[in-house]
Amino acid sequence: MPNRVDGSLAYDGRGWWQAPAAPVRVVDTTGAGDSYIAGFLRARLTGADVPQAMRAAAASAAHTCTHLGAWPQQPVPLRSAGL
């Protein structure tokens, strides 16, 4: 469970795990939780243990926070977008 700047907390049925948030200059937090979950699941599905998966998830969420919106955008002039 991501917990903003405090990092995250997980329970695997046997014990609790805690991991720090990855340091980053935050631009926007949109999509950070989704990125955390995706990073955690990908890591677990490729063989990572819970602490490793939490670190991978934190890195994924941190990257998402470095740009506006849930994914990087290519600037498009409004006129070329038909607006």
N, C-alpha and C. Protein backbone atom coordinates (compact mmCIF):
# COMPACT_ATOMS: atom_id res chain seq x y z
N MET A 1 0.84 -1.15 0.00
CA MET A 1 0.00 0.00 0.00
C MET A 1 0.90 1.23 0.00
N PRO A 2 0.89 2.01 -1.09
CA PRO A 2 1.70 3.24 -1.13
C PRO A 2 1.19 4.25 -0.10
N ASN A 3 2.11 5.00 0.47
CA ASN A 3 1.74 5.97 1.49
C ASN A 3 2.49 7.28 1.28
N ARG A 4 2.41 7.80 0.07
CA ARG A 4 3.02 9.08 -0.27
C ARG A 4 4.48 9.12 0.09
N VAL A 5 4.93 10.18 0.76
CA VAL A 5 6.36 10.35 1.05
C VAL A 5 6.89 9.38 2.10
N ASP A 6 6.01 8.71 2.83
CA ASP A 6 6.44 7.79 3.87
C ASP A 6 6.87 6.44 3.33
N GLY A 7 6.66 6.19 2.05
CA GLY A 7 7.00 4.89 1.48
C GLY A 7 5.77 4.02 1.38
N SER A 8 5.97 2.70 1.55
CA SER A 8 4.86 1.78 1.42
C SER A 8 4.94 0.68 2.46
N LEU A 9 3.81 0.01 2.64
CA LEU A 9 3.67 -1.04 3.63
C LEU A 9 2.98 -2.21 2.95
N ALA A 10 3.46 -3.43 3.18
CA ALA A 10 2.84 -4.62 2.58
C ALA A 10 2.77 -5.74 3.61
N TYR A 11 1.78 -6.59 3.44
CA TYR A 11 1.61 -7.78 4.28
C TYR A 11 1.43 -8.98 3.35
N ASP A 12 2.23 -10.01 3.52
CA ASP A 12 2.18 -11.17 2.64
C ASP A 12 1.52 -12.39 3.27
N GLY A 13 0.82 -12.21 4.36
CA GLY A 13 0.18 -13.33 5.05
C GLY A 13 1.03 -13.92 6.15
N ARG A 14 2.31 -13.58 6.14
CA ARG A 14 3.22 -14.07 7.17
C ARG A 14 3.90 -12.95 7.93
N GLY A 15 4.09 -11.83 7.28
CA GLY A 15 4.78 -10.73 7.93
C GLY A 15 4.56 -9.41 7.20
N TRP A 16 4.93 -8.35 7.89
CA TRP A 16 4.80 -6.99 7.34
C TRP A 16 6.12 -6.56 6.75
N TRP A 17 6.04 -5.78 5.69
CA TRP A 17 7.21 -5.24 5.01
C TRP A 17 7.02 -3.74 4.86
N GLN A 18 8.11 -3.01 4.98
CA GLN A 18 8.07 -1.56 4.80
C GLN A 18 9.21 -1.16 3.88
N ALA A 19 8.94 -0.22 2.97
CA ALA A 19 9.97 0.27 2.05
C ALA A 19 9.85 1.78 1.93
N PRO A 20 10.98 2.46 1.84
CA PRO A 20 10.93 3.92 1.70
C PRO A 20 10.49 4.33 0.29
N ALA A 21 9.99 5.55 0.18
CA ALA A 21 9.68 6.11 -1.13
C ALA A 21 10.99 6.43 -1.83
N ALA A 22 11.00 6.33 -3.14
CA ALA A 22 12.18 6.70 -3.91
C ALA A 22 12.24 8.22 -4.01
N PRO A 23 13.39 8.83 -3.76
CA PRO A 23 13.48 10.29 -3.83
C PRO A 23 13.37 10.78 -5.26
N VAL A 24 12.59 11.83 -5.44
CA VAL A 24 12.37 12.37 -6.78
C VAL A 24 11.83 13.80 -6.65
N ARG A 25 12.10 14.61 -7.65
CA ARG A 25 11.50 15.95 -7.71
C ARG A 25 10.11 15.79 -8.32
N VAL A 26 9.08 15.93 -7.51
CA VAL A 26 7.71 15.67 -7.94
C VAL A 26 7.17 16.82 -8.78
N VAL A 27 6.64 16.46 -9.95
CA VAL A 27 5.96 17.42 -10.82
C VAL A 27 4.45 17.22 -10.69
N ASP A 28 4.00 15.96 -10.69
CA ASP A 28 2.58 15.62 -10.63
C ASP A 28 2.47 14.18 -10.14
N THR A 29 1.55 13.90 -9.25
CA THR A 29 1.40 12.55 -8.71
C THR A 29 0.33 11.72 -9.44
N THR A 30 -0.29 12.27 -10.48
CA THR A 30 -1.30 11.53 -11.23
C THR A 30 -0.72 10.22 -11.75
N GLY A 31 -1.36 9.12 -11.43
CA GLY A 31 -0.93 7.81 -11.91
C GLY A 31 0.13 7.13 -11.07
N ALA A 32 0.62 7.77 -10.02
CA ALA A 32 1.69 7.18 -9.22
C ALA A 32 1.25 5.89 -8.53
N GLY A 33 0.04 5.86 -8.01
CA GLY A 33 -0.45 4.64 -7.37
C GLY A 33 -0.58 3.49 -8.35
N ASP A 34 -1.10 3.78 -9.53
CA ASP A 34 -1.22 2.75 -10.57
C ASP A 34 0.16 2.26 -10.99
N SER A 35 1.11 3.17 -11.11
CA SER A 35 2.48 2.79 -11.48
C SER A 35 3.12 1.93 -10.39
N TYR A 36 2.82 2.26 -9.13
CA TYR A 36 3.34 1.47 -8.02
C TYR A 36 2.83 0.04 -8.13
N ILE A 37 1.53 -0.12 -8.30
CA ILE A 37 0.93 -1.45 -8.37
C ILE A 37 1.50 -2.23 -9.56
N ALA A 38 1.59 -1.57 -10.71
CA ALA A 38 2.13 -2.24 -11.90
C ALA A 38 3.57 -2.67 -11.69
N GLY A 39 4.39 -1.79 -11.10
CA GLY A 39 5.79 -2.13 -10.83
C GLY A 39 5.92 -3.27 -9.84
N PHE A 40 5.07 -3.26 -8.81
CA PHE A 40 5.10 -4.34 -7.81
C PHE A 40 4.72 -5.67 -8.44
N LEU A 41 3.63 -5.69 -9.19
CA LEU A 41 3.17 -6.93 -9.81
C LEU A 41 4.19 -7.46 -10.82
N ARG A 42 4.73 -6.57 -11.63
CA ARG A 42 5.73 -7.02 -12.61
C ARG A 42 6.93 -7.66 -11.90
N ALA A 43 7.39 -7.01 -10.85
CA ALA A 43 8.54 -7.54 -10.11
C ALA A 43 8.22 -8.91 -9.49
N ARG A 44 7.06 -9.03 -8.88
CA ARG A 44 6.69 -10.31 -8.26
C ARG A 44 6.54 -11.41 -9.31
N LEU A 45 5.94 -11.06 -10.45
CA LEU A 45 5.73 -12.06 -11.50
C LEU A 45 7.03 -12.49 -12.18
N THR A 46 8.08 -11.71 -12.00
CA THR A 46 9.38 -12.08 -12.58
C THR A 46 10.35 -12.60 -11.52
N GLY A 47 9.82 -12.95 -10.35
CA GLY A 47 10.62 -13.64 -9.34
C GLY A 47 11.14 -12.84 -8.17
N ALA A 48 10.81 -11.56 -8.09
CA ALA A 48 11.30 -10.74 -6.97
C ALA A 48 10.56 -11.11 -5.68
N ASP A 49 11.29 -11.01 -4.56
CA ASP A 49 10.61 -11.19 -3.28
C ASP A 49 9.89 -9.88 -2.94
N VAL A 50 9.14 -9.87 -1.85
CA VAL A 50 8.33 -8.70 -1.52
C VAL A 50 9.17 -7.43 -1.35
N PRO A 51 10.27 -7.44 -0.59
CA PRO A 51 11.04 -6.21 -0.47
C PRO A 51 11.60 -5.71 -1.81
N GLN A 52 12.08 -6.62 -2.64
CA GLN A 52 12.58 -6.22 -3.97
C GLN A 52 11.45 -5.63 -4.81
N ALA A 53 10.29 -6.25 -4.76
CA ALA A 53 9.14 -5.76 -5.53
C ALA A 53 8.71 -4.38 -5.04
N MET A 54 8.79 -4.15 -3.75
CA MET A 54 8.42 -2.83 -3.21
C MET A 54 9.40 -1.76 -3.68
N ARG A 55 10.68 -2.09 -3.75
CA ARG A 55 11.66 -1.13 -4.25
C ARG A 55 11.43 -0.84 -5.73
N ALA A 56 11.14 -1.88 -6.51
CA ALA A 56 10.85 -1.69 -7.94
C ALA A 56 9.60 -0.83 -8.10
N ALA A 57 8.60 -1.09 -7.29
CA ALA A 57 7.34 -0.34 -7.35
C ALA A 57 7.57 1.13 -7.01
N ALA A 58 8.39 1.38 -5.99
CA ALA A 58 8.69 2.76 -5.60
C ALA A 58 9.41 3.50 -6.73
N ALA A 59 10.32 2.81 -7.40
CA ALA A 59 11.03 3.43 -8.53
C ALA A 59 10.07 3.75 -9.66
N SER A 60 9.15 2.84 -9.94
CA SER A 60 8.15 3.06 -11.00
C SER A 60 7.26 4.24 -10.68
N ALA A 61 6.77 4.30 -9.45
CA ALA A 61 5.91 5.41 -9.03
C ALA A 61 6.68 6.73 -9.06
N ALA A 62 7.93 6.70 -8.63
CA ALA A 62 8.73 7.93 -8.62
C ALA A 62 8.91 8.46 -10.04
N HIS A 63 9.17 7.57 -10.99
CA HIS A 63 9.33 8.00 -12.38
C HIS A 63 8.05 8.67 -12.88
N THR A 64 6.91 8.11 -12.54
CA THR A 64 5.63 8.67 -12.98
C THR A 64 5.43 10.09 -12.42
N CYS A 65 5.98 10.36 -11.26
CA CYS A 65 5.83 11.68 -10.64
C CYS A 65 6.70 12.76 -11.26
N THR A 66 7.56 12.39 -12.21
CA THR A 66 8.50 13.37 -12.77
C THR A 66 7.96 14.15 -13.96
N HIS A 67 6.73 13.89 -14.36
CA HIS A 67 6.14 14.60 -15.50
C HIS A 67 4.66 14.83 -15.26
N LEU A 68 4.06 15.72 -16.02
CA LEU A 68 2.63 15.98 -15.91
C LEU A 68 1.83 14.81 -16.43
N GLY A 69 0.77 14.46 -15.74
CA GLY A 69 -0.11 13.38 -16.18
C GLY A 69 0.45 12.01 -15.85
N ALA A 70 -0.32 10.99 -16.23
CA ALA A 70 0.05 9.62 -15.88
C ALA A 70 1.17 9.05 -16.74
N TRP A 71 1.44 9.65 -17.89
CA TRP A 71 2.55 9.21 -18.74
C TRP A 71 3.13 10.41 -19.45
N PRO A 72 4.38 10.32 -19.90
CA PRO A 72 5.00 11.47 -20.57
C PRO A 72 4.21 11.89 -21.80
N GLN A 73 4.10 13.17 -22.00
CA GLN A 73 3.35 13.71 -23.13
C GLN A 73 4.31 14.38 -24.10
N GLN A 74 4.02 14.27 -25.37
CA GLN A 74 4.75 15.02 -26.37
C GLN A 74 3.98 16.31 -26.60
N PRO A 75 4.63 17.46 -26.52
CA PRO A 75 3.91 18.70 -26.74
C PRO A 75 3.35 18.75 -28.17
N VAL A 76 2.10 19.14 -28.28
CA VAL A 76 1.45 19.27 -29.58
C VAL A 76 0.82 20.67 -29.61
N PRO A 77 1.23 21.49 -30.56
CA PRO A 77 0.61 22.81 -30.66
C PRO A 77 -0.90 22.66 -30.85
N LEU A 78 -1.65 23.52 -30.18
CA LEU A 78 -3.10 23.43 -30.24
C LEU A 78 -3.63 23.48 -31.67
N ARG A 79 -3.02 24.26 -32.52
CA ARG A 79 -3.50 24.36 -33.91
C ARG A 79 -3.36 23.04 -34.65
N SER A 80 -2.26 22.32 -34.44
CA SER A 80 -2.09 21.04 -35.14
C SER A 80 -3.00 19.98 -34.56
N ALA A 81 -3.50 20.18 -33.35
CA ALA A 81 -4.43 19.23 -32.74
C ALA A 81 -5.86 19.54 -33.14
N GLY A 82 -6.05 20.58 -33.95
CA GLY A 82 -7.39 20.94 -34.40
C GLY A 82 -8.15 21.78 -33.39
N LEU A 83 -7.47 22.34 -32.41
CA LEU A 83 -8.14 23.14 -31.39
C LEU A 83 -7.86 24.62 -31.57
